[in-house]
Every structure is written in C-alpha cells, then in structure tokens.
Amino acid sequence: MTSPLSRLVATIVLVLAVSVVPRVVRADDPATRASRRYFERGEKLFALGKFDEALDEYQKAFDAKPIPDFLFNIGQCYRNLNNYDQAIFSFQKYLKLEPDAPNKDSVLQLIDELEQKKQRADASKFVVTPHPIVKVETSPPIYKRWWFWTGIGVVAAGATIGIIEGSKASPPATDLGNVPFK
C-alpha cells in the first residue's frame, strides 16, 4: 500500500513535471504576423482584379518577411499590369531564392512568354505608322472667284462711263447766265 506521504510526493512530482514541460512555442513573431496580414489583403485585392493595390500589399509582405513565394505573387501582379520587365525580374528572383520550387517549370514558361510579349511590345514602339494624308480644303484664290471679276467689271464700266461723261464739252454753268450771239 502506498502511504499518504508517497501519494503527496507523487502528486507534487507530477505537478512539477507538467508545469516544467516546455510549452510549444508558436513561430508567430511580429514579422510573420505582419507578413501574413499583408499577404491576406493582397490575396483579396488580387482576386478582385485590383493588381496595383495587391502589388503594394505583396511588397509589404515581402518587406516584413522575405519569403520567396511573395516574389511569385509580385511577378503575377506585374504580369497582369503588363509591366513585363518587372514581372520577369520578380520571377527570376523567385527562382534564384527558391531554386527547387515545385512550380519551376511553369515559372520558366511564364518568363519565356513574358519575354516574347516584351519583344513584341518593344518592336511595336519602333514601327512607324504612316499618318493619313489629310487633304485640307482650301478656298480658291481670290482671282478665281466669280464675284471678284464681276466687281472688276463694274468698276471698269463705271470708270469708263465717268471718263466719257467727264470729257464731253459743255459750257461751264454759271449764275451769271450766258448770252447767246445771234
């Protein structure tokens, strides 16, 4: 039989053993919590198609805790924003930090596609498209207008009549009167 003293000692030992056993410490430091918070916001914004805002959140998450997977998400945002240089850079950096990534083949394929799109976009920048020739309707010069020649004719006729009438010989008119010779 066990004595009450031995039971008391066993109970004390059990309580001490339980209290001394180290607790499992969660690896949830402040950087990880902040990173997770930014990542979750980025995921929501990405799902809504708000790629600029999602990009900001993913970058904040990477700044808080530089996990290579964030670079993949950043690359996806840049890809959807048609910023090919930054997308390629982010995907390449992702593969550099995570050389044995499970999606390595698909990321390499994405990089190839983005480089092709970049080349097409760059080529289209240097293509000179001819501007359509715009024919501006200009009015004919004034000497080709009907009213110009009509005006010239009226002025010429008036001048001719004025010269003819002005050249007729007639005695000057006076208030003194004229005395005719008989």
Protein backbone atom coordinates (compact mmCIF):
# COMPACT_ATOMS: atom_id res chain seq x y z
CA MET A 1 0.00 0.00 0.00
CA THR A 2 1.01 3.45 -0.63
CA SER A 3 1.26 5.87 2.15
CA PRO A 4 -0.30 9.30 2.03
CA LEU A 5 3.15 10.77 2.05
CA SER A 6 4.19 8.89 -1.05
CA ARG A 7 0.97 9.95 -2.79
CA LEU A 8 1.69 13.54 -1.86
CA VAL A 9 5.22 13.28 -3.19
CA ALA A 10 3.96 11.66 -6.42
CA THR A 11 1.37 14.40 -6.87
CA ILE A 12 3.97 17.13 -6.31
CA VAL A 13 6.34 15.48 -8.76
CA LEU A 14 3.54 15.18 -11.34
CA VAL A 15 2.52 18.83 -10.92
CA LEU A 16 6.13 19.96 -11.23
CA ALA A 17 6.68 17.76 -14.27
CA VAL A 18 3.63 19.15 -16.03
CA SER A 19 4.47 22.73 -15.21
CA VAL A 20 8.12 22.42 -16.13
CA VAL A 21 7.47 20.79 -19.54
CA PRO A 22 8.24 23.47 -22.09
CA ARG A 23 5.25 24.66 -23.99
CA VAL A 24 5.28 24.51 -27.76
CA VAL A 25 6.20 27.97 -28.87
CA ARG A 26 4.47 29.17 -31.99
CA ALA A 27 6.76 30.68 -34.54
CA ASP A 28 4.42 33.60 -34.82
CA ASP A 29 6.74 36.52 -34.37
CA PRO A 30 5.55 40.05 -35.21
CA ALA A 31 7.20 39.97 -38.65
CA THR A 32 5.34 36.79 -39.57
CA ARG A 33 2.03 38.21 -38.33
CA ALA A 34 2.52 41.42 -40.33
CA SER A 35 3.59 39.45 -43.37
CA ARG A 36 0.52 37.20 -43.14
CA ARG A 37 -1.78 40.23 -42.74
CA TYR A 38 -0.35 41.94 -45.85
CA PHE A 39 -0.46 38.71 -47.81
CA GLU A 40 -4.14 38.10 -46.98
CA ARG A 41 -5.04 41.66 -48.04
CA GLY A 42 -3.05 41.16 -51.25
CA GLU A 43 -4.90 37.92 -51.99
CA LYS A 44 -8.28 39.63 -51.62
CA LEU A 45 -7.26 42.54 -53.85
CA PHE A 46 -5.75 40.21 -56.45
CA ALA A 47 -9.00 38.22 -56.57
CA LEU A 48 -10.86 41.48 -57.23
CA GLY A 49 -8.51 42.38 -60.09
CA LYS A 50 -7.02 45.35 -58.21
CA PHE A 51 -3.49 44.45 -59.21
CA ASP A 52 -1.87 47.79 -58.29
CA GLU A 53 -3.17 47.59 -54.75
CA ALA A 54 -2.44 43.86 -54.45
CA LEU A 55 1.12 44.54 -55.61
CA ASP A 56 1.59 47.05 -52.78
CA GLU A 57 0.34 44.54 -50.20
CA TYR A 58 2.55 41.72 -51.53
CA GLN A 59 5.57 44.03 -51.47
CA LYS A 60 4.81 45.00 -47.87
CA ALA A 61 4.50 41.30 -47.01
CA PHE A 62 7.89 40.60 -48.62
CA ASP A 63 9.43 43.56 -46.79
CA ALA A 64 8.07 42.27 -43.47
CA LYS A 65 9.29 38.71 -44.09
CA PRO A 66 11.28 37.98 -47.28
CA ILE A 67 9.58 34.73 -48.25
CA PRO A 68 10.37 33.83 -51.89
CA ASP A 69 6.74 32.90 -52.64
CA PHE A 70 5.81 36.56 -52.29
CA LEU A 71 8.05 37.32 -55.27
CA PHE A 72 5.95 34.94 -57.37
CA ASN A 73 2.81 36.87 -56.38
CA ILE A 74 4.54 40.16 -57.10
CA GLY A 75 5.50 38.84 -60.53
CA GLN A 76 1.90 37.84 -61.20
CA CYS A 77 0.73 41.36 -60.37
CA TYR A 78 3.30 42.89 -62.70
CA ARG A 79 2.33 40.40 -65.41
CA ASN A 80 -1.33 41.41 -65.13
CA LEU A 81 -0.31 45.08 -65.26
CA ASN A 82 1.66 44.40 -68.48
CA ASN A 83 4.90 45.52 -66.83
CA TYR A 84 6.96 42.79 -68.46
CA ASP A 85 10.39 43.89 -67.22
CA GLN A 86 9.35 43.89 -63.57
CA ALA A 87 7.42 40.63 -63.92
CA ILE A 88 10.42 38.88 -65.47
CA PHE A 89 12.69 40.29 -62.77
CA SER A 90 10.37 39.11 -59.97
CA PHE A 91 10.00 35.61 -61.41
CA GLN A 92 13.76 35.28 -61.93
CA LYS A 93 14.43 36.48 -58.38
CA TYR A 94 11.86 33.98 -57.11
CA LEU A 95 13.64 31.12 -58.88
CA LYS A 96 17.00 32.35 -57.61
CA LEU A 97 15.80 32.30 -53.99
CA GLU A 98 13.80 29.09 -54.48
CA PRO A 99 15.81 27.02 -57.00
CA ASP A 100 13.84 23.83 -56.25
CA ALA A 101 10.42 25.48 -56.46
CA PRO A 102 7.63 23.00 -57.21
CA ASN A 103 6.31 25.27 -59.98
CA LYS A 104 9.73 25.94 -61.53
CA ASP A 105 8.74 24.67 -64.99
CA SER A 106 5.62 26.82 -65.19
CA VAL A 107 7.56 29.86 -63.95
CA LEU A 108 10.20 29.33 -66.63
CA GLN A 109 7.44 29.08 -69.21
CA LEU A 110 5.90 32.32 -67.88
CA ILE A 111 9.27 34.05 -68.20
CA ASP A 112 9.58 32.89 -71.83
CA GLU A 113 6.07 34.12 -72.65
CA LEU A 114 6.74 37.47 -70.99
CA GLU A 115 10.00 37.93 -72.88
CA GLN A 116 8.16 37.28 -76.16
CA LYS A 117 5.44 39.77 -75.23
CA LYS A 118 8.11 42.29 -74.27
CA GLN A 119 9.85 41.87 -77.63
CA ARG A 120 6.57 42.36 -79.50
CA ALA A 121 5.75 45.43 -77.43
CA ASP A 122 9.23 46.87 -77.99
CA ALA A 123 9.02 46.17 -81.73
CA SER A 124 5.67 47.92 -82.00
CA LYS A 125 7.15 51.02 -80.36
CA PHE A 126 9.58 51.46 -83.25
CA VAL A 127 7.16 50.77 -86.09
CA VAL A 128 6.48 53.96 -87.96
CA THR A 129 2.87 54.10 -88.91
CA PRO A 130 2.21 56.47 -91.78
CA HIS A 131 -0.11 59.24 -90.89
CA PRO A 132 -3.03 59.57 -93.24
CA ILE A 133 -2.74 62.46 -95.62
CA VAL A 134 -5.30 64.97 -94.65
CA LYS A 135 -6.47 67.00 -97.58
CA VAL A 136 -7.33 70.41 -96.33
CA GLU A 137 -9.86 72.11 -98.48
CA THR A 138 -8.53 75.49 -99.26
CA SER A 139 -10.65 78.06 -100.91
CA PRO A 140 -9.56 79.05 -104.42
CA PRO A 141 -7.53 82.24 -104.67
CA ILE A 142 -9.48 85.43 -104.86
CA TYR A 143 -8.76 85.98 -108.55
CA LYS A 144 -10.58 82.72 -109.32
CA ARG A 145 -13.82 83.84 -107.66
CA TRP A 146 -16.77 84.97 -109.79
CA TRP A 147 -17.59 87.96 -107.66
CA PHE A 148 -14.03 89.31 -107.94
CA TRP A 149 -14.28 89.58 -111.74
CA THR A 150 -17.81 90.91 -111.53
CA GLY A 151 -16.58 93.66 -109.22
CA ILE A 152 -13.69 94.44 -111.58
CA GLY A 153 -16.15 94.67 -114.49
CA VAL A 154 -18.49 97.01 -112.60
CA VAL A 155 -15.61 99.26 -111.56
CA ALA A 156 -14.21 99.32 -115.10
CA ALA A 157 -17.62 100.13 -116.59
CA GLY A 158 -18.17 102.88 -114.04
CA ALA A 159 -14.74 104.36 -114.71
CA THR A 160 -15.33 104.27 -118.49
CA ILE A 161 -18.70 105.97 -118.18
CA GLY A 162 -17.21 108.53 -115.82
CA ILE A 163 -14.38 109.31 -118.24
CA ILE A 164 -16.74 109.62 -121.22
CA GLU A 165 -19.17 111.85 -119.40
CA GLY A 166 -16.36 113.91 -117.97
CA SER A 167 -14.81 114.51 -121.36
CA LYS A 168 -17.93 115.95 -123.08
CA ALA A 169 -17.51 119.63 -123.96
CA SER A 170 -20.12 121.77 -122.45
CA PRO A 171 -20.04 125.36 -121.40
CA PRO A 172 -19.44 125.89 -117.79
CA ALA A 173 -22.52 126.65 -115.85
CA THR A 174 -22.62 129.96 -114.04
CA ASP A 175 -25.13 132.05 -112.25
CA LEU A 176 -24.45 134.97 -114.50
CA GLY A 177 -26.01 133.35 -117.35
CA ASN A 178 -24.89 133.02 -120.91
CA VAL A 179 -25.57 135.41 -123.62
CA PRO A 180 -26.02 133.78 -126.92
CA PHE A 181 -24.73 135.56 -130.02
CA LYS A 182 -27.19 135.94 -132.75
